[in-house]
Amino acid sequence: MPRNEGLIDRVLRTVLGLGLLALVFVGPQTPWGWVGLVPLVTGLAGFCPLYRVLGLRTCPMPQAK
């Protein structure tokens, strides 16, 4: 899988995912916090399937030599 997420995008997704997962264990303890797994996994992997479908890419293109 080629990466299609830039560094800032990955950091934001990871932080958002961890924040949502925290809702499962602290705070209102809502099961909706499990939705945080999606941005967490995509942020750690650097690949978003929805970006691929939509043709988006926040990762800089590699420079040709």
PDB file of N, CA and C in Angstrom:
ATOM      1  N   MET A   1       0.836  -1.185   0.000  1.00  0.00           N
ATOM      2  CA  MET A   1       0.000   0.000   0.000  1.00  0.00           C
ATOM      3  C   MET A   1       0.878   1.244   0.000  1.00  0.00           C
ATOM      4  N   PRO A   2       0.769   2.053  -1.018  1.00  0.00           N
ATOM      5  CA  PRO A   2       1.520   3.310  -0.999  1.00  0.00           C
ATOM      6  C   PRO A   2       0.864   4.296  -0.044  1.00  0.00           C
ATOM      7  N   ARG A   3       1.667   5.101   0.577  1.00  0.00           N
ATOM      8  CA  ARG A   3       1.135   6.092   1.519  1.00  0.00           C
ATOM      9  C   ARG A   3       0.447   7.210   0.750  1.00  0.00           C
ATOM     10  N   ASN A   4      -0.670   7.668   1.289  1.00  0.00           N
ATOM     11  CA  ASN A   4      -1.363   8.788   0.670  1.00  0.00           C
ATOM     12  C   ASN A   4      -1.733   9.856   1.703  1.00  0.00           C
ATOM     13  N   GLU A   5      -1.100   9.791   2.864  1.00  0.00           N
ATOM     14  CA  GLU A   5      -1.325  10.768   3.924  1.00  0.00           C
ATOM     15  C   GLU A   5      -0.004  11.432   4.276  1.00  0.00           C
ATOM     16  N   GLY A   6      -0.035  12.742   4.391  1.00  0.00           N
ATOM     17  CA  GLY A   6       1.140  13.501   4.796  1.00  0.00           C
ATOM     18  C   GLY A   6       1.341  13.428   6.302  1.00  0.00           C
ATOM     19  N   LEU A   7       2.432  13.994   6.764  1.00  0.00           N
ATOM     20  CA  LEU A   7       2.795  13.936   8.182  1.00  0.00           C
ATOM     21  C   LEU A   7       1.753  14.610   9.070  1.00  0.00           C
ATOM     22  N   ILE A   8       1.318  15.800   8.699  1.00  0.00           N
ATOM     23  CA  ILE A   8       0.339  16.521   9.528  1.00  0.00           C
ATOM     24  C   ILE A   8      -0.967  15.743   9.576  1.00  0.00           C
ATOM     25  N   ASP A   9      -1.396  15.229   8.441  1.00  0.00           N
ATOM     26  CA  ASP A   9      -2.626  14.432   8.365  1.00  0.00           C
ATOM     27  C   ASP A   9      -2.531  13.206   9.277  1.00  0.00           C
ATOM     28  N   ARG A  10      -1.395  12.535   9.244  1.00  0.00           N
ATOM     29  CA  ARG A  10      -1.199  11.337  10.066  1.00  0.00           C
ATOM     30  C   ARG A  10      -1.217  11.663  11.552  1.00  0.00           C
ATOM     31  N   VAL A  11      -0.553  12.751  11.935  1.00  0.00           N
ATOM     32  CA  VAL A  11      -0.520  13.148  13.349  1.00  0.00           C
ATOM     33  C   VAL A  11      -1.920  13.503  13.842  1.00  0.00           C
ATOM     34  N   LEU A  12      -2.657  14.289  13.046  1.00  0.00           N
ATOM     35  CA  LEU A  12      -4.017  14.670  13.436  1.00  0.00           C
ATOM     36  C   LEU A  12      -4.928  13.453  13.564  1.00  0.00           C
ATOM     37  N   ARG A  13      -4.827  12.521  12.639  1.00  0.00           N
ATOM     38  CA  ARG A  13      -5.649  11.308  12.701  1.00  0.00           C
ATOM     39  C   ARG A  13      -5.318  10.479  13.942  1.00  0.00           C
ATOM     40  N   THR A  14      -4.033  10.353  14.245  1.00  0.00           N
ATOM     41  CA  THR A  14      -3.619   9.561  15.401  1.00  0.00           C
ATOM     42  C   THR A  14      -4.108  10.199  16.701  1.00  0.00           C
ATOM     43  N   VAL A  15      -3.959  11.506  16.818  1.00  0.00           N
ATOM     44  CA  VAL A  15      -4.418  12.206  18.023  1.00  0.00           C
ATOM     45  C   VAL A  15      -5.940  12.110  18.148  1.00  0.00           C
ATOM     46  N   LEU A  16      -6.647  12.312  17.045  1.00  0.00           N
ATOM     47  CA  LEU A  16      -8.104  12.213  17.057  1.00  0.00           C
ATOM     48  C   LEU A  16      -8.548  10.801  17.430  1.00  0.00           C
ATOM     49  N   GLY A  17      -7.888   9.803  16.873  1.00  0.00           N
ATOM     50  CA  GLY A  17      -8.229   8.417  17.187  1.00  0.00           C
ATOM     51  C   GLY A  17      -8.016   8.085  18.653  1.00  0.00           C
ATOM     52  N   LEU A  18      -6.894   8.538  19.198  1.00  0.00           N
ATOM     53  CA  LEU A  18      -6.631   8.292  20.617  1.00  0.00           C
ATOM     54  C   LEU A  18      -7.629   9.028  21.502  1.00  0.00           C
ATOM     55  N   GLY A  19      -7.999  10.238  21.088  1.00  0.00           N
ATOM     56  CA  GLY A  19      -8.982  11.008  21.849  1.00  0.00           C
ATOM     57  C   GLY A  19     -10.348  10.326  21.859  1.00  0.00           C
ATOM     58  N   LEU A  20     -10.763   9.827  20.709  1.00  0.00           N
ATOM     59  CA  LEU A  20     -12.050   9.128  20.640  1.00  0.00           C
ATOM     60  C   LEU A  20     -12.017   7.820  21.426  1.00  0.00           C
ATOM     61  N   LEU A  21     -10.910   7.109  21.352  1.00  0.00           N
ATOM     62  CA  LEU A  21     -10.794   5.868  22.126  1.00  0.00           C
ATOM     63  C   LEU A  21     -10.817   6.137  23.624  1.00  0.00           C
ATOM     64  N   ALA A  22     -10.330   7.286  24.030  1.00  0.00           N
ATOM     65  CA  ALA A  22     -10.355   7.640  25.451  1.00  0.00           C
ATOM     66  C   ALA A  22     -11.790   7.740  25.956  1.00  0.00           C
ATOM     67  N   LEU A  23     -12.726   8.065  25.069  1.00  0.00           N
ATOM     68  CA  LEU A  23     -14.133   8.138  25.472  1.00  0.00           C
ATOM     69  C   LEU A  23     -14.686   6.794  25.924  1.00  0.00           C
ATOM     70  N   VAL A  24     -14.075   5.715  25.468  1.00  0.00           N
ATOM     71  CA  VAL A  24     -14.527   4.381  25.862  1.00  0.00           C
ATOM     72  C   VAL A  24     -14.138   4.083  27.310  1.00  0.00           C
ATOM     73  N   PHE A  25     -12.983   4.577  27.722  1.00  0.00           N
ATOM     74  CA  PHE A  25     -12.451   4.216  29.029  1.00  0.00           C
ATOM     75  C   PHE A  25     -12.625   5.288  30.097  1.00  0.00           C
ATOM     76  N   VAL A  26     -12.625   6.543  29.701  1.00  0.00           N
ATOM     77  CA  VAL A  26     -12.823   7.652  30.638  1.00  0.00           C
ATOM     78  C   VAL A  26     -13.901   8.575  30.084  1.00  0.00           C
ATOM     79  N   GLY A  27     -14.337   9.471  30.873  1.00  0.00           N
ATOM     80  CA  GLY A  27     -15.368  10.396  30.412  1.00  0.00           C
ATOM     81  C   GLY A  27     -16.729   9.729  30.394  1.00  0.00           C
ATOM     82  N   PRO A  28     -17.500   9.947  29.315  1.00  0.00           N
ATOM     83  CA  PRO A  28     -18.858   9.408  29.278  1.00  0.00           C
ATOM     84  C   PRO A  28     -18.911   7.894  29.061  1.00  0.00           C
ATOM     85  N   GLN A  29     -17.789   7.259  28.771  1.00  0.00           N
ATOM     86  CA  GLN A  29     -17.700   5.819  28.532  1.00  0.00           C
ATOM     87  C   GLN A  29     -18.737   5.353  27.518  1.00  0.00           C
ATOM     88  N   THR A  30     -18.752   6.010  26.391  1.00  0.00           N
ATOM     89  CA  THR A  30     -19.681   5.685  25.326  1.00  0.00           C
ATOM     90  C   THR A  30     -19.050   4.725  24.325  1.00  0.00           C
ATOM     91  N   PRO A  31     -19.816   3.783  23.802  1.00  0.00           N
ATOM     92  CA  PRO A  31     -19.254   2.863  22.809  1.00  0.00           C
ATOM     93  C   PRO A  31     -18.916   3.548  21.483  1.00  0.00           C
ATOM     94  N   TRP A  32     -19.406   4.759  21.257  1.00  0.00           N
ATOM     95  CA  TRP A  32     -19.067   5.486  20.039  1.00  0.00           C
ATOM     96  C   TRP A  32     -17.573   5.796  19.970  1.00  0.00           C
ATOM     97  N   GLY A  33     -16.889   5.708  21.071  1.00  0.00           N
ATOM     98  CA  GLY A  33     -15.448   5.948  21.077  1.00  0.00           C
ATOM     99  C   GLY A  33     -14.673   4.937  20.254  1.00  0.00           C
ATOM    100  N   TRP A  34     -15.251   3.759  20.034  1.00  0.00           N
ATOM    101  CA  TRP A  34     -14.577   2.736  19.225  1.00  0.00           C
ATOM    102  C   TRP A  34     -14.414   3.185  17.774  1.00  0.00           C
ATOM    103  N   VAL A  35     -15.163   4.189  17.368  1.00  0.00           N
ATOM    104  CA  VAL A  35     -15.001   4.757  16.027  1.00  0.00           C
ATOM    105  C   VAL A  35     -13.588   5.326  15.877  1.00  0.00           C
ATOM    106  N   GLY A  36     -12.967   5.651  16.989  1.00  0.00           N
ATOM    107  CA  GLY A  36     -11.613   6.177  16.978  1.00  0.00           C
ATOM    108  C   GLY A  36     -10.582   5.213  16.440  1.00  0.00           C
ATOM    109  N   LEU A  37     -10.927   3.941  16.334  1.00  0.00           N
ATOM    110  CA  LEU A  37      -9.993   2.981  15.749  1.00  0.00           C
ATOM    111  C   LEU A  37      -9.711   3.288  14.281  1.00  0.00           C
ATOM    112  N   VAL A  38     -10.708   3.802  13.577  1.00  0.00           N
ATOM    113  CA  VAL A  38     -10.534   4.081  12.144  1.00  0.00           C
ATOM    114  C   VAL A  38      -9.462   5.145  11.909  1.00  0.00           C
ATOM    115  N   PRO A  39      -9.576   6.348  12.504  1.00  0.00           N
ATOM    116  CA  PRO A  39      -8.510   7.326  12.260  1.00  0.00           C
ATOM    117  C   PRO A  39      -7.171   6.907  12.869  1.00  0.00           C
ATOM    118  N   LEU A  40      -7.209   6.165  13.963  1.00  0.00           N
ATOM    119  CA  LEU A  40      -5.954   5.713  14.574  1.00  0.00           C
ATOM    120  C   LEU A  40      -5.210   4.761  13.638  1.00  0.00           C
ATOM    121  N   VAL A  41      -5.899   3.773  13.108  1.00  0.00           N
ATOM    122  CA  VAL A  41      -5.251   2.796  12.229  1.00  0.00           C
ATOM    123  C   VAL A  41      -4.798   3.442  10.930  1.00  0.00           C
ATOM    124  N   THR A  42      -5.653   4.287  10.336  1.00  0.00           N
ATOM    125  CA  THR A  42      -5.248   4.931   9.083  1.00  0.00           C
ATOM    126  C   THR A  42      -4.092   5.905   9.312  1.00  0.00           C
ATOM    127  N   GLY A  43      -4.084   6.565  10.465  1.00  0.00           N
ATOM    128  CA  GLY A  43      -2.980   7.477  10.773  1.00  0.00           C
ATOM    129  C   GLY A  43      -1.670   6.743  10.982  1.00  0.00           C
ATOM    130  N   LEU A  44      -1.720   5.609  11.648  1.00  0.00           N
ATOM    131  CA  LEU A  44      -0.498   4.831  11.874  1.00  0.00           C
ATOM    132  C   LEU A  44      -0.002   4.167  10.598  1.00  0.00           C
ATOM    133  N   ALA A  45      -0.933   3.742   9.749  1.00  0.00           N
ATOM    134  CA  ALA A  45      -0.553   3.076   8.503  1.00  0.00           C
ATOM    135  C   ALA A  45      -0.123   4.072   7.428  1.00  0.00           C
ATOM    136  N   GLY A  46      -0.650   5.298   7.496  1.00  0.00           N
ATOM    137  CA  GLY A  46      -0.318   6.282   6.480  1.00  0.00           C
ATOM    138  C   GLY A  46      -1.109   6.107   5.197  1.00  0.00           C
ATOM    139  N   PHE A  47      -2.145   5.285   5.244  1.00  0.00           N
ATOM    140  CA  PHE A  47      -2.956   5.002   4.060  1.00  0.00           C
ATOM    141  C   PHE A  47      -4.431   5.089   4.412  1.00  0.00           C
ATOM    142  N   CYS A  48      -5.188   5.835   3.617  1.00  0.00           N
ATOM    143  CA  CYS A  48      -6.620   5.961   3.813  1.00  0.00           C
ATOM    144  C   CYS A  48      -7.331   5.442   2.559  1.00  0.00           C
ATOM    145  N   PRO A  49      -8.123   4.370   2.689  1.00  0.00           N
ATOM    146  CA  PRO A  49      -8.823   3.841   1.515  1.00  0.00           C
ATOM    147  C   PRO A  49      -9.777   4.851   0.882  1.00  0.00           C
ATOM    148  N   LEU A  50     -10.419   5.693   1.689  1.00  0.00           N
ATOM    149  CA  LEU A  50     -11.338   6.691   1.147  1.00  0.00           C
ATOM    150  C   LEU A  50     -10.579   7.721   0.308  1.00  0.00           C
ATOM    151  N   TYR A  51      -9.375   8.093   0.725  1.00  0.00           N
ATOM    152  CA  TYR A  51      -8.562   9.011  -0.061  1.00  0.00           C
ATOM    153  C   TYR A  51      -8.283   8.400  -1.436  1.00  0.00           C
ATOM    154  N   ARG A  52      -8.007   7.121  -1.452  1.00  0.00           N
ATOM    155  CA  ARG A  52      -7.704   6.458  -2.727  1.00  0.00           C
ATOM    156  C   ARG A  52      -8.910   6.478  -3.655  1.00  0.00           C
ATOM    157  N   VAL A  53     -10.097   6.194  -3.098  1.00  0.00           N
ATOM    158  CA  VAL A  53     -11.315   6.198  -3.902  1.00  0.00           C
ATOM    159  C   VAL A  53     -11.584   7.585  -4.465  1.00  0.00           C
ATOM    160  N   LEU A  54     -11.370   8.611  -3.632  1.00  0.00           N
ATOM    161  CA  LEU A  54     -11.636   9.984  -4.054  1.00  0.00           C
ATOM    162  C   LEU A  54     -10.485  10.615  -4.839  1.00  0.00           C
ATOM    163  N   GLY A  55      -9.355   9.924  -4.909  1.00  0.00           N
ATOM    164  CA  GLY A  55      -8.202  10.444  -5.637  1.00  0.00           C
ATOM    165  C   GLY A  55      -7.459  11.530  -4.896  1.00  0.00           C
ATOM    166  N   LEU A  56      -7.574  11.568  -3.577  1.00  0.00           N
ATOM    167  CA  LEU A  56      -6.893  12.568  -2.764  1.00  0.00           C
ATOM    168  C   LEU A  56      -5.535  12.041  -2.311  1.00  0.00           C
ATOM    169  N   ARG A  57      -4.642  12.976  -2.011  1.00  0.00           N
ATOM    170  CA  ARG A  57      -3.317  12.623  -1.504  1.00  0.00           C
ATOM    171  C   ARG A  57      -2.739  13.817  -0.781  1.00  0.00           C
ATOM    172  N   THR A  58      -2.425  13.661   0.503  1.00  0.00           N
ATOM    173  CA  THR A  58      -1.810  14.744   1.257  1.00  0.00           C
ATOM    174  C   THR A  58      -0.306  14.507   1.439  1.00  0.00           C
ATOM    175  N   CYS A  59       0.158  13.371   1.001  1.00  0.00           N
ATOM    176  CA  CYS A  59       1.574  13.025   1.076  1.00  0.00           C
ATOM    177  C   CYS A  59       2.281  13.656  -0.112  1.00  0.00           C
ATOM    178  N   PRO A  60       3.432  14.274   0.104  1.00  0.00           N
ATOM    179  CA  PRO A  60       4.149  14.854  -1.033  1.00  0.00           C
ATOM    180  C   PRO A  60       4.623  13.770  -2.011  1.00  0.00           C
ATOM    181  N   MET A  61       4.572  14.098  -3.261  1.00  0.00           N
ATOM    182  CA  MET A  61       5.014  13.153  -4.300  1.00  0.00           C
ATOM    183  C   MET A  61       6.531  12.989  -4.223  1.00  0.00           C
ATOM    184  N   PRO A  62       7.017  11.762  -4.408  1.00  0.00           N
ATOM    185  CA  PRO A  62       8.474  11.577  -4.403  1.00  0.00           C
ATOM    186  C   PRO A  62       9.100  12.288  -5.607  1.00  0.00           C
ATOM    187  N   GLN A  63      10.263  12.890  -5.383  1.00  0.00           N
ATOM    188  CA  GLN A  63      10.942  13.627  -6.436  1.00  0.00           C
ATOM    189  C   GLN A  63      11.683  12.664  -7.362  1.00  0.00           C
ATOM    190  N   ALA A  64      11.577  12.886  -8.654  1.00  0.00           N
ATOM    191  CA  ALA A  64      12.310  12.072  -9.634  1.00  0.00           C
ATOM    192  C   ALA A  64      13.768  12.520  -9.650  1.00  0.00           C
ATOM    193  N   LYS A  65      14.657  11.568  -9.833  1.00  0.00           N
ATOM    194  CA  LYS A  65      16.091  11.872  -9.853  1.00  0.00           C
ATOM    195  C   LYS A  65      16.576  12.043 -11.262  1.00  0.00           C
TER     196      LYS A  65
END
